[in-house]
Amino acid sequence: MNVVIYPYSIEHSYIKKYKKLFRYNIIYFMCYGNILPISHQNDNDDYCTFTDLVDGKISFDDFDTFCIIDKVPDENELYKIVEFVCSNGKNIICVEEEYLDQIEKNLQEVQCEIVAMQL
């Protein structure tokens, strides 16, 4: 399973450092608010933003699952991203259970698998 992790911040650097130990193939770390880390140019181009996805800089063929790993400051951005990702046939893994009801409510008309689980 090829996964995009969201939202990525410095607190999640352990995921990046040990990504080979996870059972998923983590291919991108999507940063919140379209703000990339200062050091991103030295890091194998595996950081991305929602704008990169919308603009086609990241191919939908590259991944099949979008993973929400933490709380976000702006839930509206989260729901917008999830709707866009699901409408393009991708699945959702949500570690933050508080978002599940609203995500499912927003996506009633979109065929998308939404799973709550631990990484």
PDB file of N, CA and C in Angstrom:
ATOM      1  N   MET A   1       0.845  -1.155   0.000  1.00  0.00           N
ATOM      2  CA  MET A   1       0.000   0.000   0.000  1.00  0.00           C
ATOM      3  C   MET A   1       0.908   1.241   0.000  1.00  0.00           C
ATOM      4  N   ASN A   2       0.744   2.108  -0.991  1.00  0.00           N
ATOM      5  CA  ASN A   2       1.498   3.355  -1.094  1.00  0.00           C
ATOM      6  C   ASN A   2       0.710   4.466  -0.418  1.00  0.00           C
ATOM      7  N   VAL A   3       1.346   5.143   0.547  1.00  0.00           N
ATOM      8  CA  VAL A   3       0.645   6.045   1.443  1.00  0.00           C
ATOM      9  C   VAL A   3       1.226   7.453   1.406  1.00  0.00           C
ATOM     10  N   VAL A   4       0.311   8.436   1.500  1.00  0.00           N
ATOM     11  CA  VAL A   4       0.678   9.826   1.742  1.00  0.00           C
ATOM     12  C   VAL A   4       0.297  10.124   3.189  1.00  0.00           C
ATOM     13  N   ILE A   5       1.245  10.628   3.965  1.00  0.00           N
ATOM     14  CA  ILE A   5       1.032  10.964   5.371  1.00  0.00           C
ATOM     15  C   ILE A   5       0.654  12.440   5.481  1.00  0.00           C
ATOM     16  N   TYR A   6      -0.403  12.736   6.273  1.00  0.00           N
ATOM     17  CA  TYR A   6      -0.845  14.123   6.476  1.00  0.00           C
ATOM     18  C   TYR A   6      -1.362  14.288   7.888  1.00  0.00           C
ATOM     19  N   PRO A   7      -1.151  15.348   8.579  1.00  0.00           N
ATOM     20  CA  PRO A   7      -0.260  16.467   8.272  1.00  0.00           C
ATOM     21  C   PRO A   7       1.141  16.168   8.789  1.00  0.00           C
ATOM     22  N   TYR A   8       2.134  16.464   8.028  1.00  0.00           N
ATOM     23  CA  TYR A   8       3.502  16.230   8.451  1.00  0.00           C
ATOM     24  C   TYR A   8       4.078  17.508   9.057  1.00  0.00           C
ATOM     25  N   SER A   9       4.718  17.365  10.196  1.00  0.00           N
ATOM     26  CA  SER A   9       5.415  18.485  10.835  1.00  0.00           C
ATOM     27  C   SER A   9       6.647  17.923  11.534  1.00  0.00           C
ATOM     28  N   ILE A  10       7.430  18.781  12.119  1.00  0.00           N
ATOM     29  CA  ILE A  10       8.667  18.359  12.772  1.00  0.00           C
ATOM     30  C   ILE A  10       8.410  17.334  13.873  1.00  0.00           C
ATOM     31  N   GLU A  11       7.228  17.386  14.500  1.00  0.00           N
ATOM     32  CA  GLU A  11       6.911  16.401  15.538  1.00  0.00           C
ATOM     33  C   GLU A  11       6.814  14.984  14.988  1.00  0.00           C
ATOM     34  N   HIS A  12       6.639  14.863  13.698  1.00  0.00           N
ATOM     35  CA  HIS A  12       6.498  13.545  13.073  1.00  0.00           C
ATOM     36  C   HIS A  12       7.778  13.095  12.377  1.00  0.00           C
ATOM     37  N   SER A  13       8.893  13.727  12.703  1.00  0.00           N
ATOM     38  CA  SER A  13      10.153  13.395  12.021  1.00  0.00           C
ATOM     39  C   SER A  13      10.568  11.946  12.262  1.00  0.00           C
ATOM     40  N   TYR A  14      10.125  11.364  13.372  1.00  0.00           N
ATOM     41  CA  TYR A  14      10.444   9.952  13.619  1.00  0.00           C
ATOM     42  C   TYR A  14       9.830   9.051  12.549  1.00  0.00           C
ATOM     43  N   ILE A  15       8.660   9.429  12.034  1.00  0.00           N
ATOM     44  CA  ILE A  15       8.028   8.629  10.974  1.00  0.00           C
ATOM     45  C   ILE A  15       8.900   8.669   9.729  1.00  0.00           C
ATOM     46  N   LYS A  16       9.386   9.838   9.400  1.00  0.00           N
ATOM     47  CA  LYS A  16      10.253   9.968   8.231  1.00  0.00           C
ATOM     48  C   LYS A  16      11.552   9.191   8.439  1.00  0.00           C
ATOM     49  N   LYS A  17      12.134   9.324   9.624  1.00  0.00           N
ATOM     50  CA  LYS A  17      13.416   8.669   9.902  1.00  0.00           C
ATOM     51  C   LYS A  17      13.294   7.141   9.838  1.00  0.00           C
ATOM     52  N   TYR A  18      12.167   6.613  10.338  1.00  0.00           N
ATOM     53  CA  TYR A  18      11.999   5.156  10.407  1.00  0.00           C
ATOM     54  C   TYR A  18      10.920   4.636   9.463  1.00  0.00           C
ATOM     55  N   LYS A  19      10.689   5.328   8.373  1.00  0.00           N
ATOM     56  CA  LYS A  19       9.574   4.956   7.499  1.00  0.00           C
ATOM     57  C   LYS A  19       9.693   3.549   6.930  1.00  0.00           C
ATOM     58  N   LYS A  20      10.874   3.011   6.830  1.00  0.00           N
ATOM     59  CA  LYS A  20      11.041   1.648   6.314  1.00  0.00           C
ATOM     60  C   LYS A  20      10.555   0.589   7.293  1.00  0.00           C
ATOM     61  N   LEU A  21      10.355   0.973   8.545  1.00  0.00           N
ATOM     62  CA  LEU A  21       9.879   0.023   9.551  1.00  0.00           C
ATOM     63  C   LEU A  21       8.359  -0.122   9.563  1.00  0.00           C
ATOM     64  N   PHE A  22       7.656   0.799   8.937  1.00  0.00           N
ATOM     65  CA  PHE A  22       6.205   0.726   8.898  1.00  0.00           C
ATOM     66  C   PHE A  22       5.760  -0.310   7.867  1.00  0.00           C
ATOM     67  N   ARG A  23       4.587  -0.829   8.049  1.00  0.00           N
ATOM     68  CA  ARG A  23       4.093  -1.853   7.123  1.00  0.00           C
ATOM     69  C   ARG A  23       3.550  -1.260   5.829  1.00  0.00           C
ATOM     70  N   TYR A  24       3.550   0.064   5.736  1.00  0.00           N
ATOM     71  CA  TYR A  24       3.093   0.743   4.531  1.00  0.00           C
ATOM     72  C   TYR A  24       4.282   1.368   3.823  1.00  0.00           C
ATOM     73  N   ASN A  25       4.165   1.533   2.532  1.00  0.00           N
ATOM     74  CA  ASN A  25       5.187   2.213   1.747  1.00  0.00           C
ATOM     75  C   ASN A  25       4.848   3.703   1.743  1.00  0.00           C
ATOM     76  N   ILE A  26       5.492   4.457   2.604  1.00  0.00           N
ATOM     77  CA  ILE A  26       5.221   5.890   2.725  1.00  0.00           C
ATOM     78  C   ILE A  26       5.989   6.607   1.630  1.00  0.00           C
ATOM     79  N   ILE A  27       5.250   7.229   0.706  1.00  0.00           N
ATOM     80  CA  ILE A  27       5.925   7.856  -0.425  1.00  0.00           C
ATOM     81  C   ILE A  27       5.989   9.369  -0.340  1.00  0.00           C
ATOM     82  N   TYR A  28       5.031   9.987   0.364  1.00  0.00           N
ATOM     83  CA  TYR A  28       5.044  11.440   0.528  1.00  0.00           C
ATOM     84  C   TYR A  28       4.616  11.817   1.936  1.00  0.00           C
ATOM     85  N   PHE A  29       5.156  12.946   2.389  1.00  0.00           N
ATOM     86  CA  PHE A  29       4.750  13.567   3.634  1.00  0.00           C
ATOM     87  C   PHE A  29       4.125  14.899   3.266  1.00  0.00           C
ATOM     88  N   MET A  30       2.783  14.994   3.373  1.00  0.00           N
ATOM     89  CA  MET A  30       2.091  16.218   2.990  1.00  0.00           C
ATOM     90  C   MET A  30       2.072  17.178   4.175  1.00  0.00           C
ATOM     91  N   CYS A  31       2.600  18.363   3.942  1.00  0.00           N
ATOM     92  CA  CYS A  31       2.698  19.372   4.990  1.00  0.00           C
ATOM     93  C   CYS A  31       1.412  20.188   5.055  1.00  0.00           C
ATOM     94  N   TYR A  32       1.067  20.601   6.253  1.00  0.00           N
ATOM     95  CA  TYR A  32      -0.131  21.393   6.478  1.00  0.00           C
ATOM     96  C   TYR A  32       0.055  22.818   5.953  1.00  0.00           C
ATOM     97  N   GLY A  33      -0.989  23.381   5.388  1.00  0.00           N
ATOM     98  CA  GLY A  33      -0.999  24.782   5.002  1.00  0.00           C
ATOM     99  C   GLY A  33      -0.072  25.150   3.864  1.00  0.00           C
ATOM    100  N   ASN A  34       0.301  24.184   3.039  1.00  0.00           N
ATOM    101  CA  ASN A  34       1.183  24.431   1.891  1.00  0.00           C
ATOM    102  C   ASN A  34       2.531  25.023   2.298  1.00  0.00           C
ATOM    103  N   ILE A  35       3.003  24.702   3.495  1.00  0.00           N
ATOM    104  CA  ILE A  35       4.290  25.202   3.970  1.00  0.00           C
ATOM    105  C   ILE A  35       5.255  24.026   4.097  1.00  0.00           C
ATOM    106  N   LEU A  36       6.280  24.027   3.271  1.00  0.00           N
ATOM    107  CA  LEU A  36       7.279  22.964   3.311  1.00  0.00           C
ATOM    108  C   LEU A  36       8.336  23.275   4.361  1.00  0.00           C
ATOM    109  N   PRO A  37       8.967  22.235   4.939  1.00  0.00           N
ATOM    110  CA  PRO A  37      10.050  22.470   5.897  1.00  0.00           C
ATOM    111  C   PRO A  37      11.218  23.187   5.218  1.00  0.00           C
ATOM    112  N   ILE A  38      11.966  23.947   5.994  1.00  0.00           N
ATOM    113  CA  ILE A  38      13.106  24.677   5.436  1.00  0.00           C
ATOM    114  C   ILE A  38      14.103  23.727   4.807  1.00  0.00           C
ATOM    115  N   SER A  39      14.306  22.575   5.396  1.00  0.00           N
ATOM    116  CA  SER A  39      15.314  21.621   4.902  1.00  0.00           C
ATOM    117  C   SER A  39      14.802  20.708   3.796  1.00  0.00           C
ATOM    118  N   HIS A  40      13.610  20.960   3.260  1.00  0.00           N
ATOM    119  CA  HIS A  40      13.004  20.014   2.319  1.00  0.00           C
ATOM    120  C   HIS A  40      13.815  19.798   1.053  1.00  0.00           C
ATOM    121  N   GLN A  41      14.633  20.744   0.648  1.00  0.00           N
ATOM    122  CA  GLN A  41      15.387  20.595  -0.594  1.00  0.00           C
ATOM    123  C   GLN A  41      16.474  19.538  -0.484  1.00  0.00           C
ATOM    124  N   ASN A  42      16.843  19.169   0.728  1.00  0.00           N
ATOM    125  CA  ASN A  42      17.885  18.161   0.931  1.00  0.00           C
ATOM    126  C   ASN A  42      17.316  16.781   1.211  1.00  0.00           C
ATOM    127  N   ASP A  43      16.017  16.614   1.054  1.00  0.00           N
ATOM    128  CA  ASP A  43      15.360  15.392   1.521  1.00  0.00           C
ATOM    129  C   ASP A  43      14.633  14.593   0.440  1.00  0.00           C
ATOM    130  N   ASN A  44      15.251  14.246  -0.611  1.00  0.00           N
ATOM    131  CA  ASN A  44      14.715  13.292  -1.593  1.00  0.00           C
ATOM    132  C   ASN A  44      13.353  13.640  -2.171  1.00  0.00           C
ATOM    133  N   ASP A  45      12.908  14.870  -2.084  1.00  0.00           N
ATOM    134  CA  ASP A  45      11.634  15.293  -2.672  1.00  0.00           C
ATOM    135  C   ASP A  45      10.432  14.487  -2.185  1.00  0.00           C
ATOM    136  N   ASP A  46      10.439  14.008  -0.956  1.00  0.00           N
ATOM    137  CA  ASP A  46       9.274  13.261  -0.489  1.00  0.00           C
ATOM    138  C   ASP A  46       8.320  14.113   0.339  1.00  0.00           C
ATOM    139  N   TYR A  47       8.558  15.421   0.415  1.00  0.00           N
ATOM    140  CA  TYR A  47       7.591  16.341   1.008  1.00  0.00           C
ATOM    141  C   TYR A  47       6.681  16.861  -0.092  1.00  0.00           C
ATOM    142  N   CYS A  48       5.457  17.167   0.264  1.00  0.00           N
ATOM    143  CA  CYS A  48       4.548  17.748  -0.718  1.00  0.00           C
ATOM    144  C   CYS A  48       3.525  18.611  -0.001  1.00  0.00           C
ATOM    145  N   THR A  49       2.727  19.305  -0.790  1.00  0.00           N
ATOM    146  CA  THR A  49       1.628  20.105  -0.264  1.00  0.00           C
ATOM    147  C   THR A  49       0.363  19.743  -1.039  1.00  0.00           C
ATOM    148  N   PHE A  50      -0.769  20.194  -0.533  1.00  0.00           N
ATOM    149  CA  PHE A  50      -2.025  19.964  -1.232  1.00  0.00           C
ATOM    150  C   PHE A  50      -2.006  20.629  -2.601  1.00  0.00           C
ATOM    151  N   THR A  51      -1.383  21.785  -2.696  1.00  0.00           N
ATOM    152  CA  THR A  51      -1.269  22.482  -3.979  1.00  0.00           C
ATOM    153  C   THR A  51      -0.517  21.620  -4.995  1.00  0.00           C
ATOM    154  N   ASP A  52       0.533  20.927  -4.546  1.00  0.00           N
ATOM    155  CA  ASP A  52       1.268  20.031  -5.444  1.00  0.00           C
ATOM    156  C   ASP A  52       0.346  18.958  -6.011  1.00  0.00           C
ATOM    157  N   LEU A  53      -0.538  18.450  -5.176  1.00  0.00           N
ATOM    158  CA  LEU A  53      -1.473  17.413  -5.607  1.00  0.00           C
ATOM    159  C   LEU A  53      -2.480  17.971  -6.605  1.00  0.00           C
ATOM    160  N   VAL A  54      -3.058  19.114  -6.288  1.00  0.00           N
ATOM    161  CA  VAL A  54      -4.055  19.736  -7.169  1.00  0.00           C
ATOM    162  C   VAL A  54      -3.435  20.113  -8.518  1.00  0.00           C
ATOM    163  N   ASP A  55      -2.205  20.625  -8.483  1.00  0.00           N
ATOM    164  CA  ASP A  55      -1.524  21.061  -9.710  1.00  0.00           C
ATOM    165  C   ASP A  55      -0.941  19.910 -10.520  1.00  0.00           C
ATOM    166  N   GLY A  56      -1.042  18.686 -10.016  1.00  0.00           N
ATOM    167  CA  GLY A  56      -0.559  17.531 -10.757  1.00  0.00           C
ATOM    168  C   GLY A  56       0.930  17.262 -10.626  1.00  0.00           C
ATOM    169  N   LYS A  57       1.602  17.935  -9.703  1.00  0.00           N
ATOM    170  CA  LYS A  57       3.028  17.668  -9.484  1.00  0.00           C
ATOM    171  C   LYS A  57       3.225  16.296  -8.842  1.00  0.00           C
ATOM    172  N   ILE A  58       2.174  15.816  -8.196  1.00  0.00           N
ATOM    173  CA  ILE A  58       2.146  14.470  -7.635  1.00  0.00           C
ATOM    174  C   ILE A  58       1.082  13.705  -8.406  1.00  0.00           C
ATOM    175  N   SER A  59       1.444  12.562  -8.908  1.00  0.00           N
ATOM    176  CA  SER A  59       0.502  11.765  -9.680  1.00  0.00           C
ATOM    177  C   SER A  59      -0.383  10.923  -8.752  1.00  0.00           C
ATOM    178  N   PHE A  60      -1.661  10.841  -9.086  1.00  0.00           N
ATOM    179  CA  PHE A  60      -2.560   9.970  -8.327  1.00  0.00           C
ATOM    180  C   PHE A  60      -2.190   8.503  -8.512  1.00  0.00           C
ATOM    181  N   ASP A  61      -1.403   8.205  -9.529  1.00  0.00           N
ATOM    182  CA  ASP A  61      -0.950   6.833  -9.737  1.00  0.00           C
ATOM    183  C   ASP A  61       0.116   6.429  -8.721  1.00  0.00           C
ATOM    184  N   ASP A  62       0.733   7.416  -8.066  1.00  0.00           N
ATOM    185  CA  ASP A  62       1.822   7.145  -7.127  1.00  0.00           C
ATOM    186  C   ASP A  62       1.350   6.556  -5.799  1.00  0.00           C
ATOM    187  N   PHE A  63       0.101   6.809  -5.422  1.00  0.00           N
ATOM    188  CA  PHE A  63      -0.366   6.333  -4.118  1.00  0.00           C
ATOM    189  C   PHE A  63      -1.800   5.848  -4.209  1.00  0.00           C
ATOM    190  N   ASP A  64      -2.186   5.030  -3.216  1.00  0.00           N
ATOM    191  CA  ASP A  64      -3.560   4.536  -3.166  1.00  0.00           C
ATOM    192  C   ASP A  64      -4.261   4.871  -1.853  1.00  0.00           C
ATOM    193  N   THR A  65      -3.502   5.371  -0.866  1.00  0.00           N
ATOM    194  CA  THR A  65      -4.085   5.632   0.445  1.00  0.00           C
ATOM    195  C   THR A  65      -3.556   6.943   1.022  1.00  0.00           C
ATOM    196  N   PHE A  66      -4.460   7.677   1.648  1.00  0.00           N
ATOM    197  CA  PHE A  66      -4.155   8.946   2.299  1.00  0.00           C
ATOM    198  C   PHE A  66      -4.337   8.731   3.798  1.00  0.00           C
ATOM    199  N   CYS A  67      -3.302   8.991   4.598  1.00  0.00           N
ATOM    200  CA  CYS A  67      -3.332   8.678   6.021  1.00  0.00           C
ATOM    201  C   CYS A  67      -3.290   9.951   6.863  1.00  0.00           C
ATOM    202  N   ILE A  68      -4.325  10.147   7.671  1.00  0.00           N
ATOM    203  CA  ILE A  68      -4.414  11.290   8.585  1.00  0.00           C
ATOM    204  C   ILE A  68      -3.840  10.836   9.923  1.00  0.00           C
ATOM    205  N   ILE A  69      -2.681  11.407  10.303  1.00  0.00           N
ATOM    206  CA  ILE A  69      -1.976  10.899  11.473  1.00  0.00           C
ATOM    207  C   ILE A  69      -2.103  11.763  12.713  1.00  0.00           C
ATOM    208  N   ASP A  70      -2.640  12.974  12.582  1.00  0.00           N
ATOM    209  CA  ASP A  70      -2.667  13.868  13.726  1.00  0.00           C
ATOM    210  C   ASP A  70      -3.743  14.925  13.537  1.00  0.00           C
ATOM    211  N   LYS A  71      -3.975  15.699  14.582  1.00  0.00           N
ATOM    212  CA  LYS A  71      -4.932  16.799  14.504  1.00  0.00           C
ATOM    213  C   LYS A  71      -4.368  17.912  13.634  1.00  0.00           C
ATOM    214  N   VAL A  72      -5.262  18.687  13.051  1.00  0.00           N
ATOM    215  CA  VAL A  72      -4.859  19.814  12.205  1.00  0.00           C
ATOM    216  C   VAL A  72      -5.488  21.099  12.749  1.00  0.00           C
ATOM    217  N   PRO A  73      -4.806  22.241  12.553  1.00  0.00           N
ATOM    218  CA  PRO A  73      -5.366  23.504  13.029  1.00  0.00           C
ATOM    219  C   PRO A  73      -6.651  23.905  12.310  1.00  0.00           C
ATOM    220  N   ASP A  74      -6.772  23.533  11.049  1.00  0.00           N
ATOM    221  CA  ASP A  74      -7.935  23.935  10.257  1.00  0.00           C
ATOM    222  C   ASP A  74      -8.619  22.694   9.697  1.00  0.00           C
ATOM    223  N   GLU A  75      -9.705  22.280  10.335  1.00  0.00           N
ATOM    224  CA  GLU A  75     -10.409  21.084   9.887  1.00  0.00           C
ATOM    225  C   GLU A  75     -10.986  21.249   8.491  1.00  0.00           C
ATOM    226  N   ASN A  76     -11.333  22.459   8.105  1.00  0.00           N
ATOM    227  CA  ASN A  76     -11.885  22.684   6.767  1.00  0.00           C
ATOM    228  C   ASN A  76     -10.878  22.304   5.689  1.00  0.00           C
ATOM    229  N   GLU A  77      -9.602  22.609   5.912  1.00  0.00           N
ATOM    230  CA  GLU A  77      -8.578  22.199   4.950  1.00  0.00           C
ATOM    231  C   GLU A  77      -8.508  20.683   4.863  1.00  0.00           C
ATOM    232  N   LEU A  78      -8.563  20.027   6.016  1.00  0.00           N
ATOM    233  CA  LEU A  78      -8.534  18.571   6.052  1.00  0.00           C
ATOM    234  C   LEU A  78      -9.679  17.987   5.243  1.00  0.00           C
ATOM    235  N   TYR A  79     -10.902  18.458   5.472  1.00  0.00           N
ATOM    236  CA  TYR A  79     -12.065  17.909   4.779  1.00  0.00           C
ATOM    237  C   TYR A  79     -11.998  18.187   3.279  1.00  0.00           C
ATOM    238  N   LYS A  80     -11.464  19.327   2.902  1.00  0.00           N
ATOM    239  CA  LYS A  80     -11.295  19.655   1.483  1.00  0.00           C
ATOM    240  C   LYS A  80     -10.310  18.694   0.819  1.00  0.00           C
ATOM    241  N   ILE A  81      -9.205  18.422   1.488  1.00  0.00           N
ATOM    242  CA  ILE A  81      -8.207  17.493   0.956  1.00  0.00           C
ATOM    243  C   ILE A  81      -8.782  16.088   0.860  1.00  0.00           C
ATOM    244  N   VAL A  82      -9.450  15.646   1.922  1.00  0.00           N
ATOM    245  CA  VAL A  82     -10.027  14.295   1.941  1.00  0.00           C
ATOM    246  C   VAL A  82     -11.046  14.131   0.820  1.00  0.00           C
ATOM    247  N   GLU A  83     -11.896  15.122   0.632  1.00  0.00           N
ATOM    248  CA  GLU A  83     -12.892  15.041  -0.440  1.00  0.00           C
ATOM    249  C   GLU A  83     -12.218  14.953  -1.806  1.00  0.00           C
ATOM    250  N   PHE A  84     -11.182  15.743  -2.016  1.00  0.00           N
ATOM    251  CA  PHE A  84     -10.457  15.727  -3.288  1.00  0.00           C
ATOM    252  C   PHE A  84      -9.782  14.376  -3.517  1.00  0.00           C
ATOM    253  N   VAL A  85      -9.133  13.855  -2.488  1.00  0.00           N
ATOM    254  CA  VAL A  85      -8.428  12.579  -2.595  1.00  0.00           C
ATOM    255  C   VAL A  85      -9.420  11.446  -2.854  1.00  0.00           C
ATOM    256  N   CYS A  86     -10.518  11.418  -2.105  1.00  0.00           N
ATOM    257  CA  CYS A  86     -11.516  10.353  -2.289  1.00  0.00           C
ATOM    258  C   CYS A  86     -12.213  10.439  -3.638  1.00  0.00           C
ATOM    259  N   SER A  87     -12.469  11.644  -4.105  1.00  0.00           N
ATOM    260  CA  SER A  87     -13.131  11.772  -5.405  1.00  0.00           C
ATOM    261  C   SER A  87     -12.228  11.301  -6.538  1.00  0.00           C
ATOM    262  N   ASN A  88     -10.953  11.121  -6.233  1.00  0.00           N
ATOM    263  CA  ASN A  88     -10.011  10.571  -7.206  1.00  0.00           C
ATOM    264  C   ASN A  88      -9.681   9.115  -6.912  1.00  0.00           C
ATOM    265  N   GLY A  89     -10.546   8.446  -6.146  1.00  0.00           N
ATOM    266  CA  GLY A  89     -10.466   7.004  -5.962  1.00  0.00           C
ATOM    267  C   GLY A  89      -9.487   6.503  -4.923  1.00  0.00           C
ATOM    268  N   LYS A  90      -9.042   7.348  -4.025  1.00  0.00           N
ATOM    269  CA  LYS A  90      -8.081   6.919  -3.012  1.00  0.00           C
ATOM    270  C   LYS A  90      -8.780   6.594  -1.700  1.00  0.00           C
ATOM    271  N   ASN A  91      -8.182   5.705  -0.926  1.00  0.00           N
ATOM    272  CA  ASN A  91      -8.719   5.315   0.371  1.00  0.00           C
ATOM    273  C   ASN A  91      -8.149   6.201   1.464  1.00  0.00           C
ATOM    274  N   ILE A  92      -8.810   6.190   2.621  1.00  0.00           N
ATOM    275  CA  ILE A  92      -8.411   7.013   3.751  1.00  0.00           C
ATOM    276  C   ILE A  92      -8.140   6.121   4.961  1.00  0.00           C
ATOM    277  N   ILE A  93      -7.011   6.356   5.624  1.00  0.00           N
ATOM    278  CA  ILE A  93      -6.748   5.792   6.943  1.00  0.00           C
ATOM    279  C   ILE A  93      -6.755   6.981   7.885  1.00  0.00           C
ATOM    280  N   CYS A  94      -7.534   6.884   8.937  1.00  0.00           N
ATOM    281  CA  CYS A  94      -7.651   7.999   9.876  1.00  0.00           C
ATOM    282  C   CYS A  94      -7.275   7.542  11.276  1.00  0.00           C
ATOM    283  N   VAL A  95      -6.148   8.023  11.778  1.00  0.00           N
ATOM    284  CA  VAL A  95      -5.711   7.710  13.128  1.00  0.00           C
ATOM    285  C   VAL A  95      -6.454   8.590  14.133  1.00  0.00           C
ATOM    286  N   GLU A  96      -6.850   9.766  13.707  1.00  0.00           N
ATOM    287  CA  GLU A  96      -7.590  10.697  14.559  1.00  0.00           C
ATOM    288  C   GLU A  96      -9.089  10.419  14.436  1.00  0.00           C
ATOM    289  N   GLU A  97      -9.621   9.637  15.350  1.00  0.00           N
ATOM    290  CA  GLU A  97     -11.011   9.194  15.267  1.00  0.00           C
ATOM    291  C   GLU A  97     -12.026  10.321  15.345  1.00  0.00           C
ATOM    292  N   GLU A  98     -11.653  11.444  15.937  1.00  0.00           N
ATOM    293  CA  GLU A  98     -12.616  12.546  16.066  1.00  0.00           C
ATOM    294  C   GLU A  98     -13.044  13.099  14.706  1.00  0.00           C
ATOM    295  N   TYR A  99     -12.274  12.854  13.660  1.00  0.00           N
ATOM    296  CA  TYR A  99     -12.611  13.346  12.324  1.00  0.00           C
ATOM    297  C   TYR A  99     -13.499  12.381  11.538  1.00  0.00           C
ATOM    298  N   LEU A 100     -13.609  11.149  11.992  1.00  0.00           N
ATOM    299  CA  LEU A 100     -14.290  10.114  11.206  1.00  0.00           C
ATOM    300  C   LEU A 100     -15.734  10.445  10.862  1.00  0.00           C
ATOM    301  N   ASP A 101     -16.523  10.850  11.836  1.00  0.00           N
ATOM    302  CA  ASP A 101     -17.941  11.120  11.571  1.00  0.00           C
ATOM    303  C   ASP A 101     -18.119  12.204  10.511  1.00  0.00           C
ATOM    304  N   GLN A 102     -17.377  13.291  10.650  1.00  0.00           N
ATOM    305  CA  GLN A 102     -17.506  14.385   9.689  1.00  0.00           C
ATOM    306  C   GLN A 102     -16.997  13.982   8.311  1.00  0.00           C
ATOM    307  N   ILE A 103     -15.927  13.217   8.261  1.00  0.00           N
ATOM    308  CA  ILE A 103     -15.408  12.753   6.969  1.00  0.00           C
ATOM    309  C   ILE A 103     -16.457  11.878   6.292  1.00  0.00           C
ATOM    310  N   GLU A 104     -17.005  10.929   7.020  1.00  0.00           N
ATOM    311  CA  GLU A 104     -18.019  10.042   6.444  1.00  0.00           C
ATOM    312  C   GLU A 104     -19.250  10.819   6.006  1.00  0.00           C
ATOM    313  N   LYS A 105     -19.651  11.805   6.777  1.00  0.00           N
ATOM    314  CA  LYS A 105     -20.800  12.644   6.431  1.00  0.00           C
ATOM    315  C   LYS A 105     -20.535  13.429   5.144  1.00  0.00           C
ATOM    316  N   ASN A 106     -19.339  13.993   5.028  1.00  0.00           N
ATOM    317  CA  ASN A 106     -18.972  14.780   3.849  1.00  0.00           C
ATOM    318  C   ASN A 106     -18.853  13.925   2.589  1.00  0.00           C
ATOM    319  N   LEU A 107     -18.563  12.645   2.774  1.00  0.00           N
ATOM    320  CA  LEU A 107     -18.252  11.793   1.626  1.00  0.00           C
ATOM    321  C   LEU A 107     -19.325  10.755   1.325  1.00  0.00           C
ATOM    322  N   GLN A 108     -20.549  11.012   1.709  1.00  0.00           N
ATOM    323  CA  GLN A 108     -21.614  10.036   1.481  1.00  0.00           C
ATOM    324  C   GLN A 108     -21.793   9.694   0.007  1.00  0.00           C
ATOM    325  N   GLU A 109     -21.552  10.648  -0.868  1.00  0.00           N
ATOM    326  CA  GLU A 109     -21.782  10.421  -2.294  1.00  0.00           C
ATOM    327  C   GLU A 109     -20.548   9.920  -3.029  1.00  0.00           C
ATOM    328  N   VAL A 110     -19.406   9.882  -2.350  1.00  0.00           N
ATOM    329  CA  VAL A 110     -18.159   9.453  -2.981  1.00  0.00           C
ATOM    330  C   VAL A 110     -17.845   8.038  -2.534  1.00  0.00           C
ATOM    331  N   GLN A 111     -17.496   7.178  -3.473  1.00  0.00           N
ATOM    332  CA  GLN A 111     -17.135   5.805  -3.160  1.00  0.00           C
ATOM    333  C   GLN A 111     -15.689   5.776  -2.689  1.00  0.00           C
ATOM    334  N   CYS A 112     -15.519   5.577  -1.380  1.00  0.00           N
ATOM    335  CA  CYS A 112     -14.188   5.658  -0.794  1.00  0.00           C
ATOM    336  C   CYS A 112     -14.171   4.826   0.471  1.00  0.00           C
ATOM    337  N   GLU A 113     -13.104   4.062   0.677  1.00  0.00           N
ATOM    338  CA  GLU A 113     -12.979   3.287   1.909  1.00  0.00           C
ATOM    339  C   GLU A 113     -12.297   4.145   2.962  1.00  0.00           C
ATOM    340  N   ILE A 114     -12.937   4.256   4.125  1.00  0.00           N
ATOM    341  CA  ILE A 114     -12.396   5.038   5.241  1.00  0.00           C
ATOM    342  C   ILE A 114     -12.195   4.074   6.410  1.00  0.00           C
ATOM    343  N   VAL A 115     -10.969   4.003   6.917  1.00  0.00           N
ATOM    344  CA  VAL A 115     -10.632   3.065   7.963  1.00  0.00           C
ATOM    345  C   VAL A 115     -10.010   3.817   9.136  1.00  0.00           C
ATOM    346  N   ALA A 116     -10.444   3.491  10.337  1.00  0.00           N
ATOM    347  CA  ALA A 116      -9.810   4.031  11.547  1.00  0.00           C
ATOM    348  C   ALA A 116      -8.851   2.969  12.064  1.00  0.00           C
ATOM    349  N   MET A 117      -7.598   3.341  12.244  1.00  0.00           N
ATOM    350  CA  MET A 117      -6.615   2.367  12.724  1.00  0.00           C
ATOM    351  C   MET A 117      -5.388   3.055  13.269  1.00  0.00           C
ATOM    352  N   GLN A 118      -4.574   2.280  13.905  1.00  0.00           N
ATOM    353  CA  GLN A 118      -3.294   2.754  14.410  1.00  0.00           C
ATOM    354  C   GLN A 118      -2.229   2.505  13.359  1.00  0.00           C
ATOM    355  N   LEU A 119      -1.241   3.397  13.304  1.00  0.00           N
ATOM    356  CA  LEU A 119      -0.100   3.160  12.422  1.00  0.00           C
ATOM    357  C   LEU A 119       0.722   2.070  13.044  1.00  0.00           C
TER     358      LEU A 119
END
